[in-house]
Amino acid sequence: MASETNMKAALERLQRALAGLENAIDQRFEREADFTEAEDEVRRMNVDRSRLAQELDQAQDRANRLEEANREVSRRLVTSMETIRAVLDR
Protein backbone atom coordinates (compact mmCIF):
# COMPACT_ATOMS: atom_id res chain seq x y z
CA MET A 1 0.00 0.00 0.00
CA ALA A 2 2.73 2.46 0.91
CA SER A 3 4.50 1.90 -2.39
CA GLU A 4 1.20 2.41 -4.23
CA THR A 5 0.63 5.68 -2.36
CA ASN A 6 4.20 6.76 -3.13
CA MET A 7 3.65 5.86 -6.77
CA LYS A 8 0.41 7.92 -6.94
CA ALA A 9 2.13 10.87 -5.27
CA ALA A 10 5.05 10.60 -7.70
CA LEU A 11 2.66 10.46 -10.67
CA GLU A 12 0.80 13.53 -9.37
CA ARG A 13 4.08 15.41 -9.02
CA LEU A 14 5.07 14.33 -12.51
CA GLN A 15 1.72 15.52 -13.91
CA ARG A 16 2.10 18.89 -12.14
CA ALA A 17 5.64 19.20 -13.47
CA LEU A 18 4.48 18.37 -16.99
CA ALA A 19 1.63 20.89 -16.71
CA GLY A 20 4.11 23.52 -15.55
CA LEU A 21 6.40 22.68 -18.44
CA GLU A 22 3.51 22.95 -20.90
CA ASN A 23 2.58 26.35 -19.45
CA ALA A 24 6.16 27.54 -19.74
CA ILE A 25 6.30 26.39 -23.36
CA ASP A 26 3.00 28.12 -24.15
CA GLN A 27 4.25 31.35 -22.60
CA ARG A 28 7.49 31.11 -24.57
CA PHE A 29 5.57 30.66 -27.83
CA GLU A 30 3.41 33.69 -26.96
CA ARG A 31 6.50 35.82 -26.27
CA GLU A 32 8.08 34.70 -29.53
CA ALA A 33 4.88 35.54 -31.41
CA ASP A 34 4.85 38.99 -29.79
CA PHE A 35 8.52 39.44 -30.69
CA THR A 36 7.86 38.40 -34.29
CA GLU A 37 4.97 40.88 -34.51
CA ALA A 38 7.23 43.62 -33.13
CA GLU A 39 9.94 42.77 -35.67
CA ASP A 40 7.37 42.90 -38.48
CA GLU A 41 6.14 46.29 -37.25
CA VAL A 42 9.71 47.64 -37.12
CA ARG A 43 10.29 46.34 -40.64
CA ARG A 44 7.11 48.06 -41.88
CA MET A 45 8.12 51.28 -40.13
CA ASN A 46 11.56 51.17 -41.77
CA VAL A 47 9.96 50.71 -45.19
CA ASP A 48 7.64 53.65 -44.47
CA ARG A 49 10.56 55.75 -43.26
CA SER A 50 12.52 55.00 -46.43
CA ARG A 51 9.53 55.85 -48.60
CA LEU A 52 8.90 59.09 -46.71
CA ALA A 53 12.57 60.04 -46.91
CA GLN A 54 12.49 59.50 -50.67
CA GLU A 55 9.29 61.57 -50.99
CA LEU A 56 10.87 64.31 -48.87
CA ASP A 57 13.95 64.35 -51.12
CA GLN A 58 11.72 64.61 -54.19
CA ALA A 59 9.69 67.41 -52.62
CA GLN A 60 12.88 69.27 -51.68
CA ASP A 61 14.20 68.90 -55.24
CA ARG A 62 10.91 70.24 -56.60
CA ALA A 63 10.98 73.15 -54.12
CA ASN A 64 14.53 73.97 -55.22
CA ARG A 65 13.52 73.92 -58.89
CA LEU A 66 10.50 76.14 -58.16
CA GLU A 67 12.68 78.55 -56.22
CA GLU A 68 15.11 78.76 -59.14
CA ALA A 69 12.25 79.28 -61.58
CA ASN A 70 10.85 81.99 -59.29
CA ARG A 71 14.19 83.80 -59.30
CA GLU A 72 14.36 83.58 -63.10
CA VAL A 73 10.80 84.92 -63.48
CA SER A 74 11.58 87.74 -61.06
CA ARG A 75 14.74 88.62 -63.00
CA ARG A 76 12.82 88.67 -66.27
CA LEU A 77 10.06 90.84 -64.77
CA VAL A 78 12.61 93.37 -63.55
CA THR A 79 14.22 93.40 -67.00
CA SER A 80 10.81 93.85 -68.65
CA MET A 81 9.86 96.69 -66.28
CA GLU A 82 13.16 98.44 -66.98
CA THR A 83 12.61 98.06 -70.71
CA ILE A 84 9.06 99.45 -70.44
CA ARG A 85 10.29 102.41 -68.37
CA ALA A 86 13.03 103.11 -70.90
CA VAL A 87 10.49 103.06 -73.75
CA LEU A 88 8.08 105.33 -71.85
CA ASP A 89 10.86 107.77 -70.96
CA ARG A 90 11.70 108.38 -74.64
PDB file of N, CA and C in Angstrom:
ATOM      1  N   MET A   1       0.801  -1.179   0.000  1.00  0.00           N
ATOM      2  CA  MET A   1       0.000   0.000   0.000  1.00  0.00           C
ATOM      3  C   MET A   1       0.863   1.270   0.000  1.00  0.00           C
ATOM      4  N   ALA A   2       1.884   1.275   0.808  1.00  0.00           N
ATOM      5  CA  ALA A   2       2.732   2.461   0.914  1.00  0.00           C
ATOM      6  C   ALA A   2       3.402   2.745  -0.412  1.00  0.00           C
ATOM      7  N   SER A   3       3.846   1.672  -1.102  1.00  0.00           N
ATOM      8  CA  SER A   3       4.502   1.905  -2.391  1.00  0.00           C
ATOM      9  C   SER A   3       3.491   2.387  -3.428  1.00  0.00           C
ATOM     10  N   GLU A   4       2.250   1.938  -3.312  1.00  0.00           N
ATOM     11  CA  GLU A   4       1.205   2.410  -4.233  1.00  0.00           C
ATOM     12  C   GLU A   4       0.902   3.887  -3.974  1.00  0.00           C
ATOM     13  N   THR A   5       0.864   4.281  -2.718  1.00  0.00           N
ATOM     14  CA  THR A   5       0.631   5.682  -2.357  1.00  0.00           C
ATOM     15  C   THR A   5       1.797   6.541  -2.836  1.00  0.00           C
ATOM     16  N   ASN A   6       3.025   6.026  -2.644  1.00  0.00           N
ATOM     17  CA  ASN A   6       4.199   6.760  -3.128  1.00  0.00           C
ATOM     18  C   ASN A   6       4.174   6.895  -4.647  1.00  0.00           C
ATOM     19  N   MET A   7       3.723   5.834  -5.311  1.00  0.00           N
ATOM     20  CA  MET A   7       3.649   5.855  -6.773  1.00  0.00           C
ATOM     21  C   MET A   7       2.629   6.884  -7.233  1.00  0.00           C
ATOM     22  N   LYS A   8       1.448   6.934  -6.589  1.00  0.00           N
ATOM     23  CA  LYS A   8       0.413   7.915  -6.945  1.00  0.00           C
ATOM     24  C   LYS A   8       0.924   9.331  -6.702  1.00  0.00           C
ATOM     25  N   ALA A   9       1.597   9.543  -5.595  1.00  0.00           N
ATOM     26  CA  ALA A   9       2.131  10.872  -5.274  1.00  0.00           C
ATOM     27  C   ALA A   9       3.176  11.263  -6.308  1.00  0.00           C
ATOM     28  N   ALA A  10       4.023  10.320  -6.709  1.00  0.00           N
ATOM     29  CA  ALA A  10       5.048  10.602  -7.701  1.00  0.00           C
ATOM     30  C   ALA A  10       4.401  10.925  -9.053  1.00  0.00           C
ATOM     31  N   LEU A  11       3.360  10.189  -9.415  1.00  0.00           N
ATOM     32  CA  LEU A  11       2.656  10.458 -10.670  1.00  0.00           C
ATOM     33  C   LEU A  11       1.991  11.836 -10.644  1.00  0.00           C
ATOM     34  N   GLU A  12       1.418  12.203  -9.502  1.00  0.00           N
ATOM     35  CA  GLU A  12       0.797  13.526  -9.374  1.00  0.00           C
ATOM     36  C   GLU A  12       1.847  14.629  -9.513  1.00  0.00           C
ATOM     37  N   ARG A  13       3.002  14.428  -8.895  1.00  0.00           N
ATOM     38  CA  ARG A  13       4.085  15.415  -9.020  1.00  0.00           C
ATOM     39  C   ARG A  13       4.563  15.514 -10.468  1.00  0.00           C
ATOM     40  N   LEU A  14       4.656  14.353 -11.115  1.00  0.00           N
ATOM     41  CA  LEU A  14       5.068  14.330 -12.511  1.00  0.00           C
ATOM     42  C   LEU A  14       4.046  15.062 -13.386  1.00  0.00           C
ATOM     43  N   GLN A  15       2.772  14.842 -13.139  1.00  0.00           N
ATOM     44  CA  GLN A  15       1.725  15.517 -13.909  1.00  0.00           C
ATOM     45  C   GLN A  15       1.761  17.026 -13.682  1.00  0.00           C
ATOM     46  N   ARG A  16       1.990  17.448 -12.432  1.00  0.00           N
ATOM     47  CA  ARG A  16       2.095  18.890 -12.144  1.00  0.00           C
ATOM     48  C   ARG A  16       3.325  19.480 -12.833  1.00  0.00           C
ATOM     49  N   ALA A  17       4.413  18.723 -12.820  1.00  0.00           N
ATOM     50  CA  ALA A  17       5.636  19.202 -13.469  1.00  0.00           C
ATOM     51  C   ALA A  17       5.425  19.320 -14.976  1.00  0.00           C
ATOM     52  N   LEU A  18       4.765  18.328 -15.558  1.00  0.00           N
ATOM     53  CA  LEU A  18       4.480  18.372 -16.993  1.00  0.00           C
ATOM     54  C   LEU A  18       3.543  19.530 -17.334  1.00  0.00           C
ATOM     55  N   ALA A  19       2.545  19.763 -16.490  1.00  0.00           N
ATOM     56  CA  ALA A  19       1.632  20.888 -16.711  1.00  0.00           C
ATOM     57  C   ALA A  19       2.399  22.207 -16.627  1.00  0.00           C
ATOM     58  N   GLY A  20       3.291  22.317 -15.657  1.00  0.00           N
ATOM     59  CA  GLY A  20       4.114  23.523 -15.548  1.00  0.00           C
ATOM     60  C   GLY A  20       4.997  23.713 -16.767  1.00  0.00           C
ATOM     61  N   LEU A  21       5.558  22.617 -17.245  1.00  0.00           N
ATOM     62  CA  LEU A  21       6.396  22.675 -18.443  1.00  0.00           C
ATOM     63  C   LEU A  21       5.571  23.106 -19.656  1.00  0.00           C
ATOM     64  N   GLU A  22       4.383  22.573 -19.792  1.00  0.00           N
ATOM     65  CA  GLU A  22       3.511  22.954 -20.899  1.00  0.00           C
ATOM     66  C   GLU A  22       3.160  24.441 -20.819  1.00  0.00           C
ATOM     67  N   ASN A  23       2.873  24.925 -19.617  1.00  0.00           N
ATOM     68  CA  ASN A  23       2.577  26.354 -19.446  1.00  0.00           C
ATOM     69  C   ASN A  23       3.778  27.211 -19.828  1.00  0.00           C
ATOM     70  N   ALA A  24       4.945  26.791 -19.410  1.00  0.00           N
ATOM     71  CA  ALA A  24       6.163  27.541 -19.737  1.00  0.00           C
ATOM     72  C   ALA A  24       6.383  27.574 -21.246  1.00  0.00           C
ATOM     73  N   ILE A  25       6.153  26.457 -21.910  1.00  0.00           N
ATOM     74  CA  ILE A  25       6.304  26.387 -23.362  1.00  0.00           C
ATOM     75  C   ILE A  25       5.288  27.287 -24.043  1.00  0.00           C
ATOM     76  N   ASP A  26       4.036  27.257 -23.573  1.00  0.00           N
ATOM     77  CA  ASP A  26       3.004  28.119 -24.151  1.00  0.00           C
ATOM     78  C   ASP A  26       3.369  29.594 -23.995  1.00  0.00           C
ATOM     79  N   GLN A  27       3.862  29.966 -22.826  1.00  0.00           N
ATOM     80  CA  GLN A  27       4.254  31.353 -22.595  1.00  0.00           C
ATOM     81  C   GLN A  27       5.414  31.748 -23.513  1.00  0.00           C
ATOM     82  N   ARG A  28       6.341  30.833 -23.691  1.00  0.00           N
ATOM     83  CA  ARG A  28       7.488  31.106 -24.566  1.00  0.00           C
ATOM     84  C   ARG A  28       7.025  31.344 -25.996  1.00  0.00           C
ATOM     85  N   PHE A  29       6.093  30.490 -26.473  1.00  0.00           N
ATOM     86  CA  PHE A  29       5.566  30.665 -27.827  1.00  0.00           C
ATOM     87  C   PHE A  29       4.845  32.002 -27.969  1.00  0.00           C
ATOM     88  N   GLU A  30       4.108  32.403 -26.936  1.00  0.00           N
ATOM     89  CA  GLU A  30       3.410  33.685 -26.961  1.00  0.00           C
ATOM     90  C   GLU A  30       4.406  34.844 -27.036  1.00  0.00           C
ATOM     91  N   ARG A  31       5.484  34.767 -26.237  1.00  0.00           N
ATOM     92  CA  ARG A  31       6.501  35.819 -26.268  1.00  0.00           C
ATOM     93  C   ARG A  31       7.172  35.877 -27.637  1.00  0.00           C
ATOM     94  N   GLU A  32       7.460  34.723 -28.210  1.00  0.00           N
ATOM     95  CA  GLU A  32       8.084  34.700 -29.530  1.00  0.00           C
ATOM     96  C   GLU A  32       7.148  35.268 -30.584  1.00  0.00           C
ATOM     97  N   ALA A  33       5.848  34.980 -30.467  1.00  0.00           N
ATOM     98  CA  ALA A  33       4.877  35.536 -31.412  1.00  0.00           C
ATOM     99  C   ALA A  33       4.830  37.056 -31.272  1.00  0.00           C
ATOM    100  N   ASP A  34       4.835  37.546 -30.023  1.00  0.00           N
ATOM    101  CA  ASP A  34       4.847  38.991 -29.793  1.00  0.00           C
ATOM    102  C   ASP A  34       6.117  39.604 -30.370  1.00  0.00           C
ATOM    103  N   PHE A  35       7.240  38.950 -30.174  1.00  0.00           N
ATOM    104  CA  PHE A  35       8.518  39.442 -30.688  1.00  0.00           C
ATOM    105  C   PHE A  35       8.497  39.489 -32.212  1.00  0.00           C
ATOM    106  N   THR A  36       7.952  38.450 -32.826  1.00  0.00           N
ATOM    107  CA  THR A  36       7.858  38.398 -34.286  1.00  0.00           C
ATOM    108  C   THR A  36       6.972  39.525 -34.793  1.00  0.00           C
ATOM    109  N   GLU A  37       5.852  39.780 -34.110  1.00  0.00           N
ATOM    110  CA  GLU A  37       4.974  40.877 -34.505  1.00  0.00           C
ATOM    111  C   GLU A  37       5.702  42.214 -34.385  1.00  0.00           C
ATOM    112  N   ALA A  38       6.474  42.369 -33.326  1.00  0.00           N
ATOM    113  CA  ALA A  38       7.228  43.616 -33.133  1.00  0.00           C
ATOM    114  C   ALA A  38       8.278  43.774 -34.238  1.00  0.00           C
ATOM    115  N   GLU A  39       8.959  42.705 -34.582  1.00  0.00           N
ATOM    116  CA  GLU A  39       9.942  42.769 -35.669  1.00  0.00           C
ATOM    117  C   GLU A  39       9.275  43.154 -36.982  1.00  0.00           C
ATOM    118  N   ASP A  40       8.100  42.569 -37.251  1.00  0.00           N
ATOM    119  CA  ASP A  40       7.371  42.897 -38.479  1.00  0.00           C
ATOM    120  C   ASP A  40       6.976  44.373 -38.488  1.00  0.00           C
ATOM    121  N   GLU A  41       6.532  44.881 -37.346  1.00  0.00           N
ATOM    122  CA  GLU A  41       6.142  46.285 -37.251  1.00  0.00           C
ATOM    123  C   GLU A  41       7.349  47.198 -37.478  1.00  0.00           C
ATOM    124  N   VAL A  42       8.487  46.852 -36.911  1.00  0.00           N
ATOM    125  CA  VAL A  42       9.707  47.641 -37.124  1.00  0.00           C
ATOM    126  C   VAL A  42      10.101  47.610 -38.598  1.00  0.00           C
ATOM    127  N   ARG A  43       9.980  46.466 -39.213  1.00  0.00           N
ATOM    128  CA  ARG A  43      10.295  46.335 -40.637  1.00  0.00           C
ATOM    129  C   ARG A  43       9.375  47.230 -41.469  1.00  0.00           C
ATOM    130  N   ARG A  44       8.064  47.204 -41.154  1.00  0.00           N
ATOM    131  CA  ARG A  44       7.113  48.063 -41.881  1.00  0.00           C
ATOM    132  C   ARG A  44       7.436  49.542 -41.655  1.00  0.00           C
ATOM    133  N   MET A  45       7.786  49.888 -40.424  1.00  0.00           N
ATOM    134  CA  MET A  45       8.120  51.278 -40.127  1.00  0.00           C
ATOM    135  C   MET A  45       9.365  51.719 -40.892  1.00  0.00           C
ATOM    136  N   ASN A  46      10.348  50.838 -41.016  1.00  0.00           N
ATOM    137  CA  ASN A  46      11.557  51.173 -41.771  1.00  0.00           C
ATOM    138  C   ASN A  46      11.258  51.371 -43.253  1.00  0.00           C
ATOM    139  N   VAL A  47      10.360  50.546 -43.787  1.00  0.00           N
ATOM    140  CA  VAL A  47       9.961  50.705 -45.185  1.00  0.00           C
ATOM    141  C   VAL A  47       9.255  52.048 -45.355  1.00  0.00           C
ATOM    142  N   ASP A  48       8.338  52.361 -44.417  1.00  0.00           N
ATOM    143  CA  ASP A  48       7.639  53.652 -44.469  1.00  0.00           C
ATOM    144  C   ASP A  48       8.621  54.809 -44.354  1.00  0.00           C
ATOM    145  N   ARG A  49       9.580  54.691 -43.450  1.00  0.00           N
ATOM    146  CA  ARG A  49      10.562  55.754 -43.256  1.00  0.00           C
ATOM    147  C   ARG A  49      11.364  55.969 -44.531  1.00  0.00           C
ATOM    148  N   SER A  50      11.764  54.883 -45.175  1.00  0.00           N
ATOM    149  CA  SER A  50      12.519  54.996 -46.427  1.00  0.00           C
ATOM    150  C   SER A  50      11.678  55.666 -47.509  1.00  0.00           C
ATOM    151  N   ARG A  51      10.421  55.263 -47.603  1.00  0.00           N
ATOM    152  CA  ARG A  51       9.527  55.846 -48.603  1.00  0.00           C
ATOM    153  C   ARG A  51       9.326  57.332 -48.324  1.00  0.00           C
ATOM    154  N   LEU A  52       9.100  57.679 -47.065  1.00  0.00           N
ATOM    155  CA  LEU A  52       8.902  59.085 -46.707  1.00  0.00           C
ATOM    156  C   LEU A  52      10.163  59.909 -46.942  1.00  0.00           C
ATOM    157  N   ALA A  53      11.311  59.335 -46.667  1.00  0.00           N
ATOM    158  CA  ALA A  53      12.570  60.042 -46.915  1.00  0.00           C
ATOM    159  C   ALA A  53      12.740  60.303 -48.412  1.00  0.00           C
ATOM    160  N   GLN A  54      12.392  59.333 -49.225  1.00  0.00           N
ATOM    161  CA  GLN A  54      12.488  59.505 -50.675  1.00  0.00           C
ATOM    162  C   GLN A  54      11.506  60.584 -51.141  1.00  0.00           C
ATOM    163  N   GLU A  55      10.276  60.549 -50.623  1.00  0.00           N
ATOM    164  CA  GLU A  55       9.294  61.568 -50.992  1.00  0.00           C
ATOM    165  C   GLU A  55       9.755  62.954 -50.543  1.00  0.00           C
ATOM    166  N   LEU A  56      10.359  63.026 -49.366  1.00  0.00           N
ATOM    167  CA  LEU A  56      10.874  64.305 -48.874  1.00  0.00           C
ATOM    168  C   LEU A  56      11.980  64.827 -49.787  1.00  0.00           C
ATOM    169  N   ASP A  57      12.882  63.953 -50.195  1.00  0.00           N
ATOM    170  CA  ASP A  57      13.949  64.350 -51.116  1.00  0.00           C
ATOM    171  C   ASP A  57      13.365  64.869 -52.430  1.00  0.00           C
ATOM    172  N   GLN A  58      12.354  64.181 -52.944  1.00  0.00           N
ATOM    173  CA  GLN A  58      11.724  64.610 -54.192  1.00  0.00           C
ATOM    174  C   GLN A  58      11.041  65.958 -54.012  1.00  0.00           C
ATOM    175  N   ALA A  59      10.359  66.139 -52.883  1.00  0.00           N
ATOM    176  CA  ALA A  59       9.691  67.413 -52.621  1.00  0.00           C
ATOM    177  C   ALA A  59      10.712  68.538 -52.477  1.00  0.00           C
ATOM    178  N   GLN A  60      11.834  68.246 -51.829  1.00  0.00           N
ATOM    179  CA  GLN A  60      12.884  69.268 -51.685  1.00  0.00           C
ATOM    180  C   GLN A  60      13.473  69.628 -53.034  1.00  0.00           C
ATOM    181  N   ASP A  61      13.696  68.633 -53.890  1.00  0.00           N
ATOM    182  CA  ASP A  61      14.198  68.899 -55.240  1.00  0.00           C
ATOM    183  C   ASP A  61      13.216  69.774 -56.016  1.00  0.00           C
ATOM    184  N   ARG A  62      11.935  69.454 -55.907  1.00  0.00           N
ATOM    185  CA  ARG A  62      10.909  70.244 -56.599  1.00  0.00           C
ATOM    186  C   ARG A  62      10.883  71.669 -56.053  1.00  0.00           C
ATOM    187  N   ALA A  63      10.965  71.822 -54.737  1.00  0.00           N
ATOM    188  CA  ALA A  63      10.975  73.148 -54.125  1.00  0.00           C
ATOM    189  C   ALA A  63      12.189  73.945 -54.604  1.00  0.00           C
ATOM    190  N   ASN A  64      13.322  73.289 -54.720  1.00  0.00           N
ATOM    191  CA  ASN A  64      14.530  73.969 -55.218  1.00  0.00           C
ATOM    192  C   ASN A  64      14.356  74.421 -56.665  1.00  0.00           C
ATOM    193  N   ARG A  65      13.753  73.548 -57.490  1.00  0.00           N
ATOM    194  CA  ARG A  65      13.516  73.916 -58.889  1.00  0.00           C
ATOM    195  C   ARG A  65      12.529  75.080 -58.985  1.00  0.00           C
ATOM    196  N   LEU A  66      11.473  75.048 -58.158  1.00  0.00           N
ATOM    197  CA  LEU A  66      10.503  76.137 -58.162  1.00  0.00           C
ATOM    198  C   LEU A  66      11.136  77.447 -57.705  1.00  0.00           C
ATOM    199  N   GLU A  67      11.991  77.358 -56.711  1.00  0.00           N
ATOM    200  CA  GLU A  67      12.678  78.553 -56.223  1.00  0.00           C
ATOM    201  C   GLU A  67      13.563  79.145 -57.322  1.00  0.00           C
ATOM    202  N   GLU A  68      14.259  78.294 -58.029  1.00  0.00           N
ATOM    203  CA  GLU A  68      15.113  78.762 -59.135  1.00  0.00           C
ATOM    204  C   GLU A  68      14.260  79.377 -60.241  1.00  0.00           C
ATOM    205  N   ALA A  69      13.145  78.736 -60.559  1.00  0.00           N
ATOM    206  CA  ALA A  69      12.248  79.283 -61.582  1.00  0.00           C
ATOM    207  C   ALA A  69      11.685  80.624 -61.121  1.00  0.00           C
ATOM    208  N   ASN A  70      11.360  80.737 -59.847  1.00  0.00           N
ATOM    209  CA  ASN A  70      10.853  81.988 -59.292  1.00  0.00           C
ATOM    210  C   ASN A  70      11.892  83.104 -59.437  1.00  0.00           C
ATOM    211  N   ARG A  71      13.123  82.799 -59.148  1.00  0.00           N
ATOM    212  CA  ARG A  71      14.195  83.797 -59.302  1.00  0.00           C
ATOM    213  C   ARG A  71      14.336  84.226 -60.760  1.00  0.00           C
ATOM    214  N   GLU A  72      14.248  83.268 -61.674  1.00  0.00           N
ATOM    215  CA  GLU A  72      14.359  83.577 -63.100  1.00  0.00           C
ATOM    216  C   GLU A  72      13.187  84.448 -63.557  1.00  0.00           C
ATOM    217  N   VAL A  73      11.974  84.117 -63.129  1.00  0.00           N
ATOM    218  CA  VAL A  73      10.799  84.919 -63.483  1.00  0.00           C
ATOM    219  C   VAL A  73      10.944  86.327 -62.928  1.00  0.00           C
ATOM    220  N   SER A  74      11.397  86.430 -61.681  1.00  0.00           N
ATOM    221  CA  SER A  74      11.584  87.737 -61.056  1.00  0.00           C
ATOM    222  C   SER A  74      12.612  88.560 -61.832  1.00  0.00           C
ATOM    223  N   ARG A  75      13.709  87.930 -62.225  1.00  0.00           N
ATOM    224  CA  ARG A  75      14.743  88.624 -62.997  1.00  0.00           C
ATOM    225  C   ARG A  75      14.181  89.119 -64.318  1.00  0.00           C
ATOM    226  N   ARG A  76      13.405  88.280 -64.989  1.00  0.00           N
ATOM    227  CA  ARG A  76      12.818  88.666 -66.274  1.00  0.00           C
ATOM    228  C   ARG A  76      11.805  89.803 -66.106  1.00  0.00           C
ATOM    229  N   LEU A  77      11.018  89.759 -65.016  1.00  0.00           N
ATOM    230  CA  LEU A  77      10.062  90.842 -64.767  1.00  0.00           C
ATOM    231  C   LEU A  77      10.776  92.170 -64.553  1.00  0.00           C
ATOM    232  N   VAL A  78      11.841  92.138 -63.789  1.00  0.00           N
ATOM    233  CA  VAL A  78      12.615  93.365 -63.554  1.00  0.00           C
ATOM    234  C   VAL A  78      13.160  93.889 -64.875  1.00  0.00           C
ATOM    235  N   THR A  79      13.694  92.993 -65.691  1.00  0.00           N
ATOM    236  CA  THR A  79      14.222  93.399 -67.001  1.00  0.00           C
ATOM    237  C   THR A  79      13.108  93.989 -67.864  1.00  0.00           C
ATOM    238  N   SER A  80      11.942  93.351 -67.859  1.00  0.00           N
ATOM    239  CA  SER A  80      10.811  93.847 -68.648  1.00  0.00           C
ATOM    240  C   SER A  80      10.364  95.214 -68.158  1.00  0.00           C
ATOM    241  N   MET A  81      10.275  95.396 -66.839  1.00  0.00           N
ATOM    242  CA  MET A  81       9.857  96.687 -66.284  1.00  0.00           C
ATOM    243  C   MET A  81      10.863  97.777 -66.653  1.00  0.00           C
ATOM    244  N   GLU A  82      12.133  97.464 -66.606  1.00  0.00           N
ATOM    245  CA  GLU A  82      13.162  98.441 -66.975  1.00  0.00           C
ATOM    246  C   GLU A  82      13.062  98.807 -68.453  1.00  0.00           C
ATOM    247  N   THR A  83      12.768  97.811 -69.277  1.00  0.00           N
ATOM    248  CA  THR A  83      12.612  98.064 -70.707  1.00  0.00           C
ATOM    249  C   THR A  83      11.395  98.955 -70.965  1.00  0.00           C
ATOM    250  N   ILE A  84      10.285  98.647 -70.285  1.00  0.00           N
ATOM    251  CA  ILE A  84       9.063  99.447 -70.436  1.00  0.00           C
ATOM    252  C   ILE A  84       9.313 100.881 -69.980  1.00  0.00           C
ATOM    253  N   ARG A  85       9.985 101.071 -68.862  1.00  0.00           N
ATOM    254  CA  ARG A  85      10.292 102.409 -68.368  1.00  0.00           C
ATOM    255  C   ARG A  85      11.172 103.172 -69.367  1.00  0.00           C
ATOM    256  N   ALA A  86      12.131 102.467 -69.926  1.00  0.00           N
ATOM    257  CA  ALA A  86      13.030 103.111 -70.902  1.00  0.00           C
ATOM    258  C   ALA A  86      12.249 103.544 -72.131  1.00  0.00           C
ATOM    259  N   VAL A  87      11.311 102.711 -72.584  1.00  0.00           N
ATOM    260  CA  VAL A  87      10.494 103.061 -73.748  1.00  0.00           C
ATOM    261  C   VAL A  87       9.605 104.255 -73.416  1.00  0.00           C
ATOM    262  N   LEU A  88       8.972 104.240 -72.239  1.00  0.00           N
ATOM    263  CA  LEU A  88       8.077 105.329 -71.846  1.00  0.00           C
ATOM    264  C   LEU A  88       8.832 106.645 -71.625  1.00  0.00           C
ATOM    265  N   ASP A  89      10.079 106.568 -71.211  1.00  0.00           N
ATOM    266  CA  ASP A  89      10.863 107.770 -70.962  1.00  0.00           C
ATOM    267  C   ASP A  89      11.302 108.447 -72.262  1.00  0.00           C
ATOM    268  N   ARG A  90      11.231 107.807 -73.368  1.00  0.00           N
ATOM    269  CA  ARG A  90      11.698 108.385 -74.641  1.00  0.00           C
ATOM    270  C   ARG A  90      10.715 109.322 -75.192  1.00  0.00           C
TER     271      ARG A  90
END
